[in-house]
Amino acid sequence: MAGYMPGTTHNRVLETIYKRRLVERIENIDSSQTLYALTARGNSFASAPIALPPLITTEWQNSTQQEHRLGVARFMSVLMSSTKITESYWDNANDLREVLLNGDYILLGEPQINAAYAERFGKKKYPTPDTLPLLYKKPVAKENAAPLARSEVYENSWWYMIPPYLHAEQDEPIRALTGENADTPLTPSPETIVMQRHPADAVLAPATMRNGGAVAIEIERYPKSSAAYETTMCRYGSALGRARFSAVIWACATHEIANAIERAAEKTGTTQMCTTFVYDTGRRNGSFLQGTEFRVCE
């Protein structure tokens, strides 16, 4: 989960996470061995839902998929480290990480969001008509009850999946479906486009789940078309997107990708909520499978 690669010595890994106060050393009585135990901070880090799932050999052959998974895990490792970020990833990066480590924000990975959404609304592109009222309504604590517990935020992380909606002059939820088995409820037109659901690669969600308080993280290793970036920023900049997110942070493999995203943000009126930076892993083409670092390029 921390993004360390096979072949890295155990001593190096243990020393690193010890310096980050994720583990503590416990010496045996005869001092012949040194044991390590998770600290409270380390336990929180280890339980964050961003771990890479076990992979079989054939899955590693899909290098594009694994590059992306490792990229997200490495970026989250940097963000959750207690070491101060000396090179600014984005404005107020250290402030945001501090509230994350303090528990004011909760880290949600894409698998967690997808799983919560599928459990609540199914795995089809569009939910059934009877679940629509819930889909567009933010989860809240019961009346006269305490604020949402951390476990409840995980359970309700489906809220950070931007749901299907109609993109026209005004963003509106999809209120009418043709039927439970229909994948396409409405026919797109030049005036009305059906936006499918969209999860971010990771989300920094406020523990209180307050409106518009979350930060989306997107890792872009390979370039997409201008239309694809415009569509994504339309989702984040829509009424439904802004009800969930205040900012979108893009970690880009090249300056060309970053420039394309910035142009898309300008075209869609989402410049103020969009931040980009270019990363480098220290290896050719910024490979996460072989690289050993995750740092910001000038």
C-alpha atoms as a PDB file:
ATOM      1  CA  MET A   1       0.000   0.000   0.000  1.00  0.00           C
ATOM      2  CA  ALA A   2       2.874   2.355   0.671  1.00  0.00           C
ATOM      3  CA  GLY A   3       4.104   2.043  -2.891  1.00  0.00           C
ATOM      4  CA  TYR A   4       7.372   0.222  -2.121  1.00  0.00           C
ATOM      5  CA  MET A   5       8.509  -2.055  -4.927  1.00  0.00           C
ATOM      6  CA  PRO A   6       9.659  -5.697  -4.783  1.00  0.00           C
ATOM      7  CA  GLY A   7      13.401  -5.841  -4.218  1.00  0.00           C
ATOM      8  CA  THR A   8      13.470  -3.031  -1.644  1.00  0.00           C
ATOM      9  CA  THR A   9      15.213  -4.304   1.487  1.00  0.00           C
ATOM     10  CA  HIS A  10      13.112  -4.773   4.606  1.00  0.00           C
ATOM     11  CA  ASN A  11      15.545  -2.721   6.690  1.00  0.00           C
ATOM     12  CA  ARG A  12      15.098   0.256   4.387  1.00  0.00           C
ATOM     13  CA  VAL A  13      11.302  -0.004   4.487  1.00  0.00           C
ATOM     14  CA  LEU A  14      11.166  -0.387   8.269  1.00  0.00           C
ATOM     15  CA  GLU A  15      13.543   2.504   8.828  1.00  0.00           C
ATOM     16  CA  THR A  16      11.486   4.736   6.563  1.00  0.00           C
ATOM     17  CA  ILE A  17       8.131   4.004   8.165  1.00  0.00           C
ATOM     18  CA  TYR A  18       9.716   4.221  11.616  1.00  0.00           C
ATOM     19  CA  LYS A  19      10.924   7.754  10.838  1.00  0.00           C
ATOM     20  CA  ARG A  20       7.392   8.576   9.696  1.00  0.00           C
ATOM     21  CA  ARG A  21       6.084   7.408  13.096  1.00  0.00           C
ATOM     22  CA  LEU A  22       3.950   4.703  11.516  1.00  0.00           C
ATOM     23  CA  VAL A  23       5.577   1.952  13.615  1.00  0.00           C
ATOM     24  CA  GLU A  24       7.314   1.770  16.969  1.00  0.00           C
ATOM     25  CA  ARG A  25      10.224  -0.442  17.992  1.00  0.00           C
ATOM     26  CA  ILE A  26       9.833  -3.052  20.723  1.00  0.00           C
ATOM     27  CA  GLU A  27      13.025  -4.755  21.893  1.00  0.00           C
ATOM     28  CA  ASN A  28      12.994  -8.324  23.147  1.00  0.00           C
ATOM     29  CA  ILE A  29      14.253  -9.086  26.632  1.00  0.00           C
ATOM     30  CA  ASP A  30      17.469 -10.630  25.337  1.00  0.00           C
ATOM     31  CA  SER A  31      17.854  -7.816  22.756  1.00  0.00           C
ATOM     32  CA  SER A  32      18.520 -10.392  20.046  1.00  0.00           C
ATOM     33  CA  GLN A  33      15.718  -9.061  17.879  1.00  0.00           C
ATOM     34  CA  THR A  34      13.803  -5.868  17.368  1.00  0.00           C
ATOM     35  CA  LEU A  35      10.049  -6.116  16.895  1.00  0.00           C
ATOM     36  CA  TYR A  36       7.874  -3.500  15.241  1.00  0.00           C
ATOM     37  CA  ALA A  37       4.278  -2.615  16.057  1.00  0.00           C
ATOM     38  CA  LEU A  38       1.885  -0.205  14.386  1.00  0.00           C
ATOM     39  CA  THR A  39       1.346   3.137  16.071  1.00  0.00           C
ATOM     40  CA  ALA A  40      -2.102   4.761  16.084  1.00  0.00           C
ATOM     41  CA  ARG A  41      -1.092   6.771  13.026  1.00  0.00           C
ATOM     42  CA  GLY A  42       0.283   3.649  11.350  1.00  0.00           C
ATOM     43  CA  ASN A  43      -2.912   1.730  12.044  1.00  0.00           C
ATOM     44  CA  SER A  44      -4.962   4.484  10.405  1.00  0.00           C
ATOM     45  CA  PHE A  45      -2.591   4.479   7.438  1.00  0.00           C
ATOM     46  CA  ALA A  46      -2.708   0.690   7.083  1.00  0.00           C
ATOM     47  CA  SER A  47      -6.508   0.615   7.155  1.00  0.00           C
ATOM     48  CA  ALA A  48      -6.947   3.264   4.455  1.00  0.00           C
ATOM     49  CA  PRO A  49      -8.905   1.710   1.551  1.00  0.00           C
ATOM     50  CA  ILE A  50      -6.251   2.261  -1.117  1.00  0.00           C
ATOM     51  CA  ALA A  51      -4.335  -0.993  -0.867  1.00  0.00           C
ATOM     52  CA  LEU A  52      -3.458  -2.812  -4.070  1.00  0.00           C
ATOM     53  CA  PRO A  53      -5.402  -6.102  -4.297  1.00  0.00           C
ATOM     54  CA  PRO A  54      -3.547  -9.396  -4.713  1.00  0.00           C
ATOM     55  CA  LEU A  55      -2.598  -9.799  -8.360  1.00  0.00           C
ATOM     56  CA  ILE A  56      -2.068 -12.944 -10.374  1.00  0.00           C
ATOM     57  CA  THR A  57       0.729 -13.158 -12.932  1.00  0.00           C
ATOM     58  CA  THR A  58      -1.499 -12.482 -15.921  1.00  0.00           C
ATOM     59  CA  GLU A  59      -2.819  -9.292 -14.356  1.00  0.00           C
ATOM     60  CA  TRP A  60       0.690  -7.879 -14.096  1.00  0.00           C
ATOM     61  CA  GLN A  61       0.892  -8.181 -17.860  1.00  0.00           C
ATOM     62  CA  ASN A  62      -1.593  -5.320 -18.097  1.00  0.00           C
ATOM     63  CA  SER A  63       1.087  -2.736 -17.387  1.00  0.00           C
ATOM     64  CA  THR A  64      -1.171   0.256 -18.029  1.00  0.00           C
ATOM     65  CA  GLN A  65      -3.588  -0.794 -15.300  1.00  0.00           C
ATOM     66  CA  GLN A  66      -0.803  -1.518 -12.844  1.00  0.00           C
ATOM     67  CA  GLU A  67       0.968   1.757 -13.588  1.00  0.00           C
ATOM     68  CA  HIS A  68      -2.204   3.577 -12.650  1.00  0.00           C
ATOM     69  CA  ARG A  69      -2.824   1.596  -9.460  1.00  0.00           C
ATOM     70  CA  LEU A  70       0.729   2.103  -8.296  1.00  0.00           C
ATOM     71  CA  GLY A  71       0.585   5.797  -9.203  1.00  0.00           C
ATOM     72  CA  VAL A  72      -2.463   6.344  -6.998  1.00  0.00           C
ATOM     73  CA  ALA A  73      -0.943   4.335  -4.132  1.00  0.00           C
ATOM     74  CA  ARG A  74       2.365   6.209  -4.301  1.00  0.00           C
ATOM     75  CA  PHE A  75       0.735   9.609  -4.376  1.00  0.00           C
ATOM     76  CA  MET A  76      -1.437   8.688  -1.399  1.00  0.00           C
ATOM     77  CA  SER A  77       1.690   7.465   0.430  1.00  0.00           C
ATOM     78  CA  VAL A  78       3.332  10.845  -0.085  1.00  0.00           C
ATOM     79  CA  LEU A  79       0.206  12.632   1.054  1.00  0.00           C
ATOM     80  CA  MET A  80      -0.170  10.546   4.218  1.00  0.00           C
ATOM     81  CA  SER A  81       3.487  10.785   5.199  1.00  0.00           C
ATOM     82  CA  SER A  82       4.263  12.942   8.215  1.00  0.00           C
ATOM     83  CA  THR A  83       7.287  14.419   6.434  1.00  0.00           C
ATOM     84  CA  LYS A  84       6.733  17.978   5.287  1.00  0.00           C
ATOM     85  CA  ILE A  85       6.400  18.476   1.542  1.00  0.00           C
ATOM     86  CA  THR A  86       9.307  20.743   0.672  1.00  0.00           C
ATOM     87  CA  GLU A  87       8.367  21.164  -2.977  1.00  0.00           C
ATOM     88  CA  SER A  88       4.846  22.527  -3.232  1.00  0.00           C
ATOM     89  CA  TYR A  89       2.535  20.084  -4.966  1.00  0.00           C
ATOM     90  CA  TRP A  90      -0.211  22.662  -4.907  1.00  0.00           C
ATOM     91  CA  ASP A  91      -1.207  25.632  -2.786  1.00  0.00           C
ATOM     92  CA  ASN A  92      -1.738  24.699   0.878  1.00  0.00           C
ATOM     93  CA  ALA A  93      -0.645  21.081   0.269  1.00  0.00           C
ATOM     94  CA  ASN A  94       0.809  20.689   3.759  1.00  0.00           C
ATOM     95  CA  ASP A  95      -2.283  22.225   5.361  1.00  0.00           C
ATOM     96  CA  LEU A  96      -4.536  19.735   3.611  1.00  0.00           C
ATOM     97  CA  ARG A  97      -2.304  16.819   4.572  1.00  0.00           C
ATOM     98  CA  GLU A  98      -2.259  17.970   8.181  1.00  0.00           C
ATOM     99  CA  VAL A  99      -6.056  17.871   8.463  1.00  0.00           C
ATOM    100  CA  LEU A 100      -5.971  14.441   6.807  1.00  0.00           C
ATOM    101  CA  LEU A 101      -3.495  13.095   9.383  1.00  0.00           C
ATOM    102  CA  ASN A 102      -5.479  14.727  12.192  1.00  0.00           C
ATOM    103  CA  GLY A 103      -8.610  12.853  11.137  1.00  0.00           C
ATOM    104  CA  ASP A 104     -10.532  15.880   9.858  1.00  0.00           C
ATOM    105  CA  TYR A 105     -10.426  14.355   6.376  1.00  0.00           C
ATOM    106  CA  ILE A 106     -10.776  10.723   5.313  1.00  0.00           C
ATOM    107  CA  LEU A 107      -9.008   9.115   2.372  1.00  0.00           C
ATOM    108  CA  LEU A 108     -11.303   7.197   0.026  1.00  0.00           C
ATOM    109  CA  GLY A 109      -9.944   5.134  -2.852  1.00  0.00           C
ATOM    110  CA  GLU A 110     -11.812   4.482  -6.098  1.00  0.00           C
ATOM    111  CA  PRO A 111     -12.390   0.782  -5.193  1.00  0.00           C
ATOM    112  CA  GLN A 112     -14.053   1.848  -1.939  1.00  0.00           C
ATOM    113  CA  ILE A 113     -16.346   4.308  -3.730  1.00  0.00           C
ATOM    114  CA  ASN A 114     -17.215   1.797  -6.461  1.00  0.00           C
ATOM    115  CA  ALA A 115     -17.969  -0.944  -3.934  1.00  0.00           C
ATOM    116  CA  ALA A 116     -20.215   1.289  -1.821  1.00  0.00           C
ATOM    117  CA  TYR A 117     -22.046   2.488  -4.930  1.00  0.00           C
ATOM    118  CA  ALA A 118     -22.548  -1.047  -6.286  1.00  0.00           C
ATOM    119  CA  GLU A 119     -23.842  -2.282  -2.943  1.00  0.00           C
ATOM    120  CA  ARG A 120     -26.378   0.530  -2.732  1.00  0.00           C
ATOM    121  CA  PHE A 121     -27.409   0.983  -6.378  1.00  0.00           C
ATOM    122  CA  GLY A 122     -26.194  -2.094  -8.284  1.00  0.00           C
ATOM    123  CA  LYS A 123     -23.517  -2.478 -10.940  1.00  0.00           C
ATOM    124  CA  LYS A 124     -25.484  -1.233 -13.950  1.00  0.00           C
ATOM    125  CA  LYS A 125     -24.736   2.076 -15.618  1.00  0.00           C
ATOM    126  CA  TYR A 126     -27.921   3.629 -14.251  1.00  0.00           C
ATOM    127  CA  PRO A 127     -29.810   2.924 -11.031  1.00  0.00           C
ATOM    128  CA  THR A 128     -33.367   1.680 -10.871  1.00  0.00           C
ATOM    129  CA  PRO A 129     -36.169   4.273 -10.585  1.00  0.00           C
ATOM    130  CA  ASP A 130     -36.934   3.400  -6.972  1.00  0.00           C
ATOM    131  CA  THR A 131     -33.394   4.332  -5.835  1.00  0.00           C
ATOM    132  CA  LEU A 132     -33.247   7.722  -7.558  1.00  0.00           C
ATOM    133  CA  PRO A 133     -34.382   9.805  -4.546  1.00  0.00           C
ATOM    134  CA  LEU A 134     -31.539   8.313  -2.465  1.00  0.00           C
ATOM    135  CA  LEU A 135     -28.952   8.693  -5.231  1.00  0.00           C
ATOM    136  CA  TYR A 136     -29.116  12.482  -5.275  1.00  0.00           C
ATOM    137  CA  LYS A 137     -29.595  12.978  -1.535  1.00  0.00           C
ATOM    138  CA  LYS A 138     -26.526  13.363   0.649  1.00  0.00           C
ATOM    139  CA  PRO A 139     -26.289  10.962   3.626  1.00  0.00           C
ATOM    140  CA  VAL A 140     -26.797  12.691   6.969  1.00  0.00           C
ATOM    141  CA  ALA A 141     -26.816  11.571  10.561  1.00  0.00           C
ATOM    142  CA  LYS A 142     -30.140  10.626  12.050  1.00  0.00           C
ATOM    143  CA  GLU A 143     -32.082  13.329  13.835  1.00  0.00           C
ATOM    144  CA  ASN A 144     -30.692  14.145  17.281  1.00  0.00           C
ATOM    145  CA  ALA A 145     -27.815  11.733  16.673  1.00  0.00           C
ATOM    146  CA  ALA A 146     -24.067  12.304  16.743  1.00  0.00           C
ATOM    147  CA  PRO A 147     -22.240  13.246  13.510  1.00  0.00           C
ATOM    148  CA  LEU A 148     -21.415  10.496  11.042  1.00  0.00           C
ATOM    149  CA  ALA A 149     -18.823   8.090  12.392  1.00  0.00           C
ATOM    150  CA  ARG A 150     -15.722   7.276  10.343  1.00  0.00           C
ATOM    151  CA  SER A 151     -17.170   3.872   9.447  1.00  0.00           C
ATOM    152  CA  GLU A 152     -20.360   5.559   8.242  1.00  0.00           C
ATOM    153  CA  VAL A 153     -18.348   7.800   5.914  1.00  0.00           C
ATOM    154  CA  TYR A 154     -16.815   4.678   4.372  1.00  0.00           C
ATOM    155  CA  GLU A 155     -20.245   3.081   4.103  1.00  0.00           C
ATOM    156  CA  ASN A 156     -21.677   6.168   2.421  1.00  0.00           C
ATOM    157  CA  SER A 157     -18.662   6.870   0.218  1.00  0.00           C
ATOM    158  CA  TRP A 158     -20.953   6.283  -2.785  1.00  0.00           C
ATOM    159  CA  TRP A 159     -21.874   9.957  -2.366  1.00  0.00           C
ATOM    160  CA  TYR A 160     -18.522  10.879  -3.930  1.00  0.00           C
ATOM    161  CA  MET A 161     -19.374   9.029  -7.120  1.00  0.00           C
ATOM    162  CA  ILE A 162     -20.747  11.782  -9.359  1.00  0.00           C
ATOM    163  CA  PRO A 163     -24.041  10.116 -10.320  1.00  0.00           C
ATOM    164  CA  PRO A 164     -25.668   9.972 -13.779  1.00  0.00           C
ATOM    165  CA  TYR A 165     -27.319  13.237 -14.719  1.00  0.00           C
ATOM    166  CA  LEU A 166     -28.525  15.349 -17.632  1.00  0.00           C
ATOM    167  CA  HIS A 167     -26.065  17.962 -18.815  1.00  0.00           C
ATOM    168  CA  ALA A 168     -27.877  20.791 -20.579  1.00  0.00           C
ATOM    169  CA  GLU A 169     -28.228  24.492 -19.862  1.00  0.00           C
ATOM    170  CA  GLN A 170     -28.893  23.507 -16.271  1.00  0.00           C
ATOM    171  CA  ASP A 171     -27.646  20.309 -14.665  1.00  0.00           C
ATOM    172  CA  GLU A 172     -30.512  18.070 -13.637  1.00  0.00           C
ATOM    173  CA  PRO A 173     -30.606  14.572 -12.169  1.00  0.00           C
ATOM    174  CA  ILE A 174     -32.042  11.776 -14.284  1.00  0.00           C
ATOM    175  CA  ARG A 175     -35.539  11.400 -12.856  1.00  0.00           C
ATOM    176  CA  ALA A 176     -37.078   9.153 -15.513  1.00  0.00           C
ATOM    177  CA  LEU A 177     -35.686   5.799 -16.584  1.00  0.00           C
ATOM    178  CA  THR A 178     -37.079   3.599 -19.348  1.00  0.00           C
ATOM    179  CA  GLY A 179     -36.797   0.501 -17.206  1.00  0.00           C
ATOM    180  CA  GLU A 180     -34.629  -1.491 -14.855  1.00  0.00           C
ATOM    181  CA  ASN A 181     -32.860  -3.360 -17.660  1.00  0.00           C
ATOM    182  CA  ALA A 182     -32.158  -0.331 -19.848  1.00  0.00           C
ATOM    183  CA  ASP A 183     -28.556   0.873 -20.037  1.00  0.00           C
ATOM    184  CA  THR A 184     -29.427   4.124 -21.797  1.00  0.00           C
ATOM    185  CA  PRO A 185     -32.478   5.816 -20.260  1.00  0.00           C
ATOM    186  CA  LEU A 186     -32.519   8.796 -22.616  1.00  0.00           C
ATOM    187  CA  THR A 187     -31.260   9.545 -26.115  1.00  0.00           C
ATOM    188  CA  PRO A 188     -28.521  12.218 -26.107  1.00  0.00           C
ATOM    189  CA  SER A 189     -29.102  15.290 -28.225  1.00  0.00           C
ATOM    190  CA  PRO A 190     -27.053  18.425 -29.005  1.00  0.00           C
ATOM    191  CA  GLU A 191     -28.969  20.197 -26.244  1.00  0.00           C
ATOM    192  CA  THR A 192     -29.052  17.373 -23.711  1.00  0.00           C
ATOM    193  CA  ILE A 193     -26.230  14.925 -22.948  1.00  0.00           C
ATOM    194  CA  VAL A 194     -26.560  12.009 -20.564  1.00  0.00           C
ATOM    195  CA  MET A 195     -23.551  11.981 -18.245  1.00  0.00           C
ATOM    196  CA  GLN A 196     -22.703   8.572 -16.813  1.00  0.00           C
ATOM    197  CA  ARG A 197     -21.432   8.144 -13.271  1.00  0.00           C
ATOM    198  CA  HIS A 198     -17.785   9.025 -12.602  1.00  0.00           C
ATOM    199  CA  PRO A 199     -15.523   8.109  -9.659  1.00  0.00           C
ATOM    200  CA  ALA A 200     -12.280   9.957  -8.970  1.00  0.00           C
ATOM    201  CA  ASP A 201      -9.059   7.973  -8.543  1.00  0.00           C
ATOM    202  CA  ALA A 202      -9.134   8.980  -4.877  1.00  0.00           C
ATOM    203  CA  VAL A 203     -11.067  11.419  -2.706  1.00  0.00           C
ATOM    204  CA  LEU A 204     -10.108  13.403   0.372  1.00  0.00           C
ATOM    205  CA  ALA A 205     -13.492  13.611   2.064  1.00  0.00           C
ATOM    206  CA  PRO A 206     -14.296  15.800   5.085  1.00  0.00           C
ATOM    207  CA  ALA A 207     -15.201  13.658   8.080  1.00  0.00           C
ATOM    208  CA  THR A 208     -18.389  15.699   8.445  1.00  0.00           C
ATOM    209  CA  MET A 209     -19.307  15.140   4.764  1.00  0.00           C
ATOM    210  CA  ARG A 210     -20.139  18.821   4.511  1.00  0.00           C
ATOM    211  CA  ASN A 211     -21.389  20.116   1.172  1.00  0.00           C
ATOM    212  CA  GLY A 212     -18.698  20.904  -1.376  1.00  0.00           C
ATOM    213  CA  GLY A 213     -15.871  20.042   1.000  1.00  0.00           C
ATOM    214  CA  ALA A 214     -14.188  17.095  -0.735  1.00  0.00           C
ATOM    215  CA  VAL A 215     -11.050  17.152  -2.894  1.00  0.00           C
ATOM    216  CA  ALA A 216     -10.807  14.805  -5.893  1.00  0.00           C
ATOM    217  CA  ILE A 217      -7.469  13.302  -6.958  1.00  0.00           C
ATOM    218  CA  GLU A 218      -6.865  12.290 -10.585  1.00  0.00           C
ATOM    219  CA  ILE A 219      -3.648  10.586 -11.773  1.00  0.00           C
ATOM    220  CA  GLU A 220      -2.980  11.096 -15.501  1.00  0.00           C
ATOM    221  CA  ARG A 221      -0.115   9.050 -16.905  1.00  0.00           C
ATOM    222  CA  TYR A 222      -1.327   8.957 -20.531  1.00  0.00           C
ATOM    223  CA  PRO A 223      -2.950  11.810 -22.502  1.00  0.00           C
ATOM    224  CA  LYS A 224      -6.639  11.789 -23.399  1.00  0.00           C
ATOM    225  CA  SER A 225      -8.537  13.839 -25.936  1.00  0.00           C
ATOM    226  CA  SER A 226      -9.517  17.428 -25.184  1.00  0.00           C
ATOM    227  CA  ALA A 227     -13.177  16.346 -25.242  1.00  0.00           C
ATOM    228  CA  ALA A 228     -12.509  13.742 -22.538  1.00  0.00           C
ATOM    229  CA  TYR A 229     -10.975  16.328 -20.194  1.00  0.00           C
ATOM    230  CA  GLU A 230     -13.795  18.772 -20.897  1.00  0.00           C
ATOM    231  CA  THR A 231     -16.355  16.080 -20.088  1.00  0.00           C
ATOM    232  CA  THR A 232     -14.622  15.247 -16.818  1.00  0.00           C
ATOM    233  CA  MET A 233     -14.411  18.879 -15.735  1.00  0.00           C
ATOM    234  CA  CYS A 234     -18.053  19.366 -16.727  1.00  0.00           C
ATOM    235  CA  ARG A 235     -18.895  16.644 -14.237  1.00  0.00           C
ATOM    236  CA  TYR A 236     -16.893  18.264 -11.450  1.00  0.00           C
ATOM    237  CA  GLY A 237     -18.165  21.737 -12.307  1.00  0.00           C
ATOM    238  CA  SER A 238     -21.818  20.712 -12.493  1.00  0.00           C
ATOM    239  CA  ALA A 239     -24.288  21.393  -9.716  1.00  0.00           C
ATOM    240  CA  LEU A 240     -24.005  17.768  -8.611  1.00  0.00           C
ATOM    241  CA  GLY A 241     -20.209  17.885  -8.762  1.00  0.00           C
ATOM    242  CA  ARG A 242     -19.911  21.095  -6.762  1.00  0.00           C
ATOM    243  CA  ALA A 243     -22.284  19.700  -4.143  1.00  0.00           C
ATOM    244  CA  ARG A 244     -19.537  17.180  -3.467  1.00  0.00           C
ATOM    245  CA  PHE A 245     -16.195  18.735  -4.445  1.00  0.00           C
ATOM    246  CA  SER A 246     -14.461  22.041  -3.933  1.00  0.00           C
ATOM    247  CA  ALA A 247     -11.297  21.126  -5.862  1.00  0.00           C
ATOM    248  CA  VAL A 248      -9.799  18.637  -8.309  1.00  0.00           C
ATOM    249  CA  ILE A 249      -6.051  17.964  -8.164  1.00  0.00           C
ATOM    250  CA  TRP A 250      -4.479  16.437 -11.271  1.00  0.00           C
ATOM    251  CA  ALA A 251      -1.081  14.708 -11.027  1.00  0.00           C
ATOM    252  CA  CYS A 252       0.167  14.646 -14.626  1.00  0.00           C
ATOM    253  CA  ALA A 253       2.964  12.662 -16.255  1.00  0.00           C
ATOM    254  CA  THR A 254       3.834  15.484 -18.687  1.00  0.00           C
ATOM    255  CA  HIS A 255       3.445  19.218 -19.084  1.00  0.00           C
ATOM    256  CA  GLU A 256       1.411  18.567 -22.236  1.00  0.00           C
ATOM    257  CA  ILE A 257      -1.202  16.665 -20.236  1.00  0.00           C
ATOM    258  CA  ALA A 258      -1.307  19.395 -17.586  1.00  0.00           C
ATOM    259  CA  ASN A 259      -1.753  22.069 -20.268  1.00  0.00           C
ATOM    260  CA  ALA A 260      -4.595  20.129 -21.899  1.00  0.00           C
ATOM    261  CA  ILE A 261      -6.408  19.820 -18.565  1.00  0.00           C
ATOM    262  CA  GLU A 262      -5.942  23.516 -17.827  1.00  0.00           C
ATOM    263  CA  ARG A 263      -7.391  24.412 -21.241  1.00  0.00           C
ATOM    264  CA  ALA A 264     -10.364  22.137 -20.569  1.00  0.00           C
ATOM    265  CA  ALA A 265     -10.915  23.776 -17.184  1.00  0.00           C
ATOM    266  CA  GLU A 266     -10.830  27.226 -18.761  1.00  0.00           C
ATOM    267  CA  LYS A 267     -13.300  26.183 -21.453  1.00  0.00           C
ATOM    268  CA  THR A 268     -15.709  24.671 -18.899  1.00  0.00           C
ATOM    269  CA  GLY A 269     -15.448  27.487 -16.350  1.00  0.00           C
ATOM    270  CA  THR A 270     -13.802  25.305 -13.701  1.00  0.00           C
ATOM    271  CA  THR A 271     -10.375  26.952 -13.527  1.00  0.00           C
ATOM    272  CA  GLN A 272     -10.755  27.965  -9.884  1.00  0.00           C
ATOM    273  CA  MET A 273     -11.418  24.406  -8.735  1.00  0.00           C
ATOM    274  CA  CYS A 274      -8.749  22.766 -10.931  1.00  0.00           C
ATOM    275  CA  THR A 275      -5.079  22.380  -9.926  1.00  0.00           C
ATOM    276  CA  THR A 276      -2.419  20.547 -11.923  1.00  0.00           C
ATOM    277  CA  PHE A 277       1.178  19.557 -11.312  1.00  0.00           C
ATOM    278  CA  VAL A 278       3.665  17.388 -13.197  1.00  0.00           C
ATOM    279  CA  TYR A 279       5.232  14.472 -11.334  1.00  0.00           C
ATOM    280  CA  ASP A 280       8.428  12.495 -11.896  1.00  0.00           C
ATOM    281  CA  THR A 281       9.288   9.039 -10.598  1.00  0.00           C
ATOM    282  CA  GLY A 282      12.980   9.260 -11.408  1.00  0.00           C
ATOM    283  CA  ARG A 283      12.756   6.788 -14.269  1.00  0.00           C
ATOM    284  CA  ARG A 284      12.254   7.003 -18.011  1.00  0.00           C
ATOM    285  CA  ASN A 285       8.670   7.903 -18.943  1.00  0.00           C
ATOM    286  CA  GLY A 286       7.831   8.284 -15.265  1.00  0.00           C
ATOM    287  CA  SER A 287       7.290   4.548 -14.812  1.00  0.00           C
ATOM    288  CA  PHE A 288       5.639   3.615 -11.508  1.00  0.00           C
ATOM    289  CA  LEU A 289       6.582  -0.036 -12.025  1.00  0.00           C
ATOM    290  CA  GLN A 290      10.304   0.798 -11.947  1.00  0.00           C
ATOM    291  CA  GLY A 291      10.511   4.257 -10.427  1.00  0.00           C
ATOM    292  CA  THR A 292      11.489   4.809  -6.831  1.00  0.00           C
ATOM    293  CA  GLU A 293      10.230   8.334  -6.143  1.00  0.00           C
ATOM    294  CA  PHE A 294       7.244  10.587  -6.626  1.00  0.00           C
ATOM    295  CA  ARG A 295       8.280  14.197  -6.839  1.00  0.00           C
ATOM    296  CA  VAL A 296       7.193  17.398  -8.541  1.00  0.00           C
ATOM    297  CA  CYS A 297       8.846  18.659 -11.715  1.00  0.00           C
ATOM    298  CA  GLU A 298       9.577  22.315 -12.152  1.00  0.00           C
END
